[in-house]
C-alpha atoms as a PDB file:
ATOM      1  CA  UNK A   1     104.970  98.169  48.031  1.00  0.00           C
ATOM      2  CA  UNK A   2     108.685  98.868  47.879  1.00  0.00           C
ATOM      3  CA  UNK A   3     111.165  98.772  50.756  1.00  0.00           C
ATOM      4  CA  UNK A   4     110.661  99.608  54.423  1.00  0.00           C
ATOM      5  CA  UNK A   5     113.780  99.772  56.605  1.00  0.00           C
ATOM      6  CA  UNK A   6     113.266 100.055  60.347  1.00  0.00           C
ATOM      7  CA  UNK A   7     116.730 101.364  61.195  1.00  0.00           C
ATOM      8  CA  UNK A   8     116.271 102.206  64.881  1.00  0.00           C
ATOM      9  CA  UNK A   9     113.665 102.470  67.598  1.00  0.00           C
ATOM     10  CA  UNK A  10     110.433 100.535  68.003  1.00  0.00           C
ATOM     11  CA  UNK A  11     107.560 100.183  65.581  1.00  0.00           C
ATOM     12  CA  UNK A  12     104.365  99.100  67.362  1.00  0.00           C
ATOM     13  CA  UNK A  13     101.760  97.880  64.901  1.00  0.00           C
ATOM     14  CA  UNK A  14      98.283  97.959  66.410  1.00  0.00           C
ATOM     15  CA  UNK A  15      96.677  97.156  63.068  1.00  0.00           C
ATOM     16  CA  UNK A  16      97.434  94.664  60.299  1.00  0.00           C
ATOM     17  CA  UNK A  17     100.269  95.289  57.844  1.00  0.00           C
ATOM     18  CA  UNK A  18     100.260  94.308  54.170  1.00  0.00           C
ATOM     19  CA  UNK A  19     103.639  94.434  52.458  1.00  0.00           C
ATOM     20  CA  UNK A  20     104.670  93.524  48.933  1.00  0.00           C
ATOM     21  CA  UNK A  21     108.373  94.219  48.720  1.00  0.00           C
ATOM     22  CA  UNK A  22     110.958  94.104  51.494  1.00  0.00           C
ATOM     23  CA  UNK A  23     110.602  94.846  55.193  1.00  0.00           C
ATOM     24  CA  UNK A  24     113.872  94.971  57.125  1.00  0.00           C
ATOM     25  CA  UNK A  25     114.426  95.334  60.880  1.00  0.00           C
ATOM     26  CA  UNK A  26     117.954  96.552  61.734  1.00  0.00           C
ATOM     27  CA  UNK A  27     120.031  95.438  64.713  1.00  0.00           C
ATOM     28  CA  UNK A  28     118.818  97.294  67.790  1.00  0.00           C
ATOM     29  CA  UNK A  29     115.362  97.984  66.301  1.00  0.00           C
ATOM     30  CA  UNK A  30     112.135  96.328  67.481  1.00  0.00           C
ATOM     31  CA  UNK A  31     109.130  95.404  65.331  1.00  0.00           C
ATOM     32  CA  UNK A  32     106.154  94.606  67.568  1.00  0.00           C
ATOM     33  CA  UNK A  33     102.884  93.141  66.281  1.00  0.00           C
ATOM     34  CA  UNK A  34      99.842  93.728  68.483  1.00  0.00           C
ATOM     35  CA  UNK A  35      96.896  93.413  66.118  1.00  0.00           C
ATOM     36  CA  UNK A  36      94.572  90.411  66.391  1.00  0.00           C
ATOM     37  CA  UNK A  37      94.331  90.531  62.579  1.00  0.00           C
ATOM     38  CA  UNK A  38      96.722  88.963  60.057  1.00  0.00           C
ATOM     39  CA  UNK A  39      99.748  90.801  58.662  1.00  0.00           C
ATOM     40  CA  UNK A  40     101.010  89.516  55.312  1.00  0.00           C
ATOM     41  CA  UNK A  41     104.502  89.946  53.849  1.00  0.00           C
ATOM     42  CA  UNK A  42     104.943  89.012  50.181  1.00  0.00           C
ATOM     43  CA  UNK A  43     108.001  89.098  47.938  1.00  0.00           C
ATOM     44  CA  UNK A  44     108.040  91.370  44.937  1.00  0.00           C
ATOM     45  CA  UNK A  45     109.546  90.411  41.577  1.00  0.00           C
ATOM     46  CA  UNK A  46     113.091  91.449  42.637  1.00  0.00           C
ATOM     47  CA  UNK A  47     113.757  88.178  44.457  1.00  0.00           C
ATOM     48  CA  UNK A  48     114.782  89.921  47.700  1.00  0.00           C
ATOM     49  CA  UNK A  49     113.523  88.760  51.089  1.00  0.00           C
ATOM     50  CA  UNK A  50     109.967  89.695  51.987  1.00  0.00           C
ATOM     51  CA  UNK A  51     110.940  90.073  55.644  1.00  0.00           C
ATOM     52  CA  UNK A  52     114.410  90.351  57.211  1.00  0.00           C
ATOM     53  CA  UNK A  53     115.071  90.568  60.926  1.00  0.00           C
ATOM     54  CA  UNK A  54     118.427  91.606  62.344  1.00  0.00           C
ATOM     55  CA  UNK A  55     116.920  93.152  65.474  1.00  0.00           C
ATOM     56  CA  UNK A  56     113.934  91.919  67.448  1.00  0.00           C
ATOM     57  CA  UNK A  57     110.480  90.809  66.345  1.00  0.00           C
ATOM     58  CA  UNK A  58     107.690  90.379  68.886  1.00  0.00           C
ATOM     59  CA  UNK A  59     104.480  88.732  67.746  1.00  0.00           C
ATOM     60  CA  UNK A  60     102.149  89.464  70.656  1.00  0.00           C
ATOM     61  CA  UNK A  61      98.869  88.611  68.924  1.00  0.00           C
ATOM     62  CA  UNK A  62      97.425  87.877  65.518  1.00  0.00           C
ATOM     63  CA  UNK A  63      98.953  86.010  62.611  1.00  0.00           C
ATOM     64  CA  UNK A  64     102.143  86.916  60.741  1.00  0.00           C
ATOM     65  CA  UNK A  65     102.099  85.236  57.337  1.00  0.00           C
ATOM     66  CA  UNK A  66     105.269  85.391  55.234  1.00  0.00           C
ATOM     67  CA  UNK A  67     104.616  84.612  51.560  1.00  0.00           C
ATOM     68  CA  UNK A  68     108.189  85.233  50.498  1.00  0.00           C
ATOM     69  CA  UNK A  69     111.735  84.601  51.624  1.00  0.00           C
ATOM     70  CA  UNK A  70     112.372  85.161  55.340  1.00  0.00           C
ATOM     71  CA  UNK A  71     115.780  85.680  56.963  1.00  0.00           C
ATOM     72  CA  UNK A  72     116.598  86.355  60.585  1.00  0.00           C
ATOM     73  CA  UNK A  73     119.824  86.999  62.467  1.00  0.00           C
ATOM     74  CA  UNK A  74     118.030  88.522  65.430  1.00  0.00           C
ATOM     75  CA  UNK A  75     115.503  87.422  68.018  1.00  0.00           C
ATOM     76  CA  UNK A  76     111.914  86.348  67.390  1.00  0.00           C
ATOM     77  CA  UNK A  77     109.372  85.909  70.182  1.00  0.00           C
ATOM     78  CA  UNK A  78     105.892  84.549  69.520  1.00  0.00           C
ATOM     79  CA  UNK A  79     103.439  84.982  72.397  1.00  0.00           C
ATOM     80  CA  UNK A  80     100.723  82.514  73.377  1.00  0.00           C
ATOM     81  CA  UNK A  81      97.738  82.893  71.063  1.00  0.00           C
ATOM     82  CA  UNK A  82      99.820  84.363  68.210  1.00  0.00           C
ATOM     83  CA  UNK A  83     100.834  82.597  64.996  1.00  0.00           C
ATOM     84  CA  UNK A  84     103.858  82.919  62.692  1.00  0.00           C
ATOM     85  CA  UNK A  85     103.749  81.060  59.379  1.00  0.00           C
ATOM     86  CA  UNK A  86     106.075  80.663  56.412  1.00  0.00           C
ATOM     87  CA  UNK A  87     104.242  79.960  53.168  1.00  0.00           C
ATOM     88  CA  UNK A  88     106.919  80.193  50.461  1.00  0.00           C
ATOM     89  CA  UNK A  89     108.978  77.474  48.813  1.00  0.00           C
ATOM     90  CA  UNK A  90     112.535  78.526  49.731  1.00  0.00           C
ATOM     91  CA  UNK A  91     115.108  77.970  52.464  1.00  0.00           C
ATOM     92  CA  UNK A  92     114.400  80.331  55.347  1.00  0.00           C
ATOM     93  CA  UNK A  93     117.404  81.022  57.587  1.00  0.00           C
ATOM     94  CA  UNK A  94     117.239  81.570  61.360  1.00  0.00           C
ATOM     95  CA  UNK A  95     120.452  82.593  63.119  1.00  0.00           C
ATOM     96  CA  UNK A  96     120.898  83.789  66.704  1.00  0.00           C
ATOM     97  CA  UNK A  97     121.744  87.447  67.281  1.00  0.00           C
ATOM     98  CA  UNK A  98     125.195  86.706  68.738  1.00  0.00           C
ATOM     99  CA  UNK A  99     124.162  87.662  72.285  1.00  0.00           C
ATOM    100  CA  UNK A 100     122.321  84.401  72.947  1.00  0.00           C
ATOM    101  CA  UNK A 101     122.096  81.013  71.261  1.00  0.00           C
ATOM    102  CA  UNK A 102     118.333  81.241  70.649  1.00  0.00           C
ATOM    103  CA  UNK A 103     117.072  81.812  67.093  1.00  0.00           C
ATOM    104  CA  UNK A 104     113.344  81.719  67.925  1.00  0.00           C
ATOM    105  CA  UNK A 105     111.193  81.314  71.009  1.00  0.00           C
ATOM    106  CA  UNK A 106     107.530  80.468  70.606  1.00  0.00           C
ATOM    107  CA  UNK A 107     104.714  80.112  73.090  1.00  0.00           C
ATOM    108  CA  UNK A 108     102.248  80.491  70.232  1.00  0.00           C
ATOM    109  CA  UNK A 109     102.021  78.595  66.951  1.00  0.00           C
ATOM    110  CA  UNK A 110     104.767  78.218  64.336  1.00  0.00           C
ATOM    111  CA  UNK A 111     103.796  76.851  60.921  1.00  0.00           C
ATOM    112  CA  UNK A 112     106.073  75.931  58.027  1.00  0.00           C
ATOM    113  CA  UNK A 113     103.602  75.416  55.152  1.00  0.00           C
ATOM    114  CA  UNK A 114     106.159  75.436  52.338  1.00  0.00           C
ATOM    115  CA  UNK A 115     109.917  75.490  52.073  1.00  0.00           C
ATOM    116  CA  UNK A 116     112.598  74.638  54.576  1.00  0.00           C
ATOM    117  CA  UNK A 117     113.685  76.272  57.832  1.00  0.00           C
ATOM    118  CA  UNK A 118     117.364  76.174  58.819  1.00  0.00           C
ATOM    119  CA  UNK A 119     117.863  76.971  62.502  1.00  0.00           C
ATOM    120  CA  UNK A 120     121.500  77.777  63.273  1.00  0.00           C
ATOM    121  CA  UNK A 121     120.597  78.353  66.925  1.00  0.00           C
ATOM    122  CA  UNK A 122     118.063  76.976  69.368  1.00  0.00           C
ATOM    123  CA  UNK A 123     114.341  76.895  68.594  1.00  0.00           C
ATOM    124  CA  UNK A 124     112.332  76.829  71.812  1.00  0.00           C
ATOM    125  CA  UNK A 125     108.674  75.983  71.504  1.00  0.00           C
ATOM    126  CA  UNK A 126     106.067  75.731  74.237  1.00  0.00           C
ATOM    127  CA  UNK A 127     103.262  76.098  71.691  1.00  0.00           C
ATOM    128  CA  UNK A 128     102.076  74.447  68.505  1.00  0.00           C
ATOM    129  CA  UNK A 129     104.185  73.407  65.559  1.00  0.00           C
ATOM    130  CA  UNK A 130     103.094  72.386  62.068  1.00  0.00           C
ATOM    131  CA  UNK A 131     105.359  71.255  59.243  1.00  0.00           C
ATOM    132  CA  UNK A 132     104.024  71.068  55.669  1.00  0.00           C
ATOM    133  CA  UNK A 133     104.802  68.261  53.269  1.00  0.00           C
ATOM    134  CA  UNK A 134     107.973  69.976  52.008  1.00  0.00           C
ATOM    135  CA  UNK A 135     109.119  71.011  55.520  1.00  0.00           C
END
């Protein structure tokens, strides 16, 4: 609960993460998920984003489930066998980091259960894609 700011360096998560508040990855920082278990990011009552990425997110295995607002102006890579899902009725923004034109690259599974996803850069997918009824 509360706020976690990854300001620099790399955070390798070998186990699941449960967050109710705000998780932010700064430009130049790397958040790497390596657990086969699900990590869940939920919004708190403040209305701020549950997960913000301005650096790099690597989903190497497991399932990242965002049950709150998600914003990215960095890079996101989803490996084969991994899953990234948005399950919150809001507009989620994906912008490229300014060094490339790619907002997200997925070889795994991307799911938009609720809400809308605005990609202001390329979305490359060699894996699965699921869009909910409001997507």
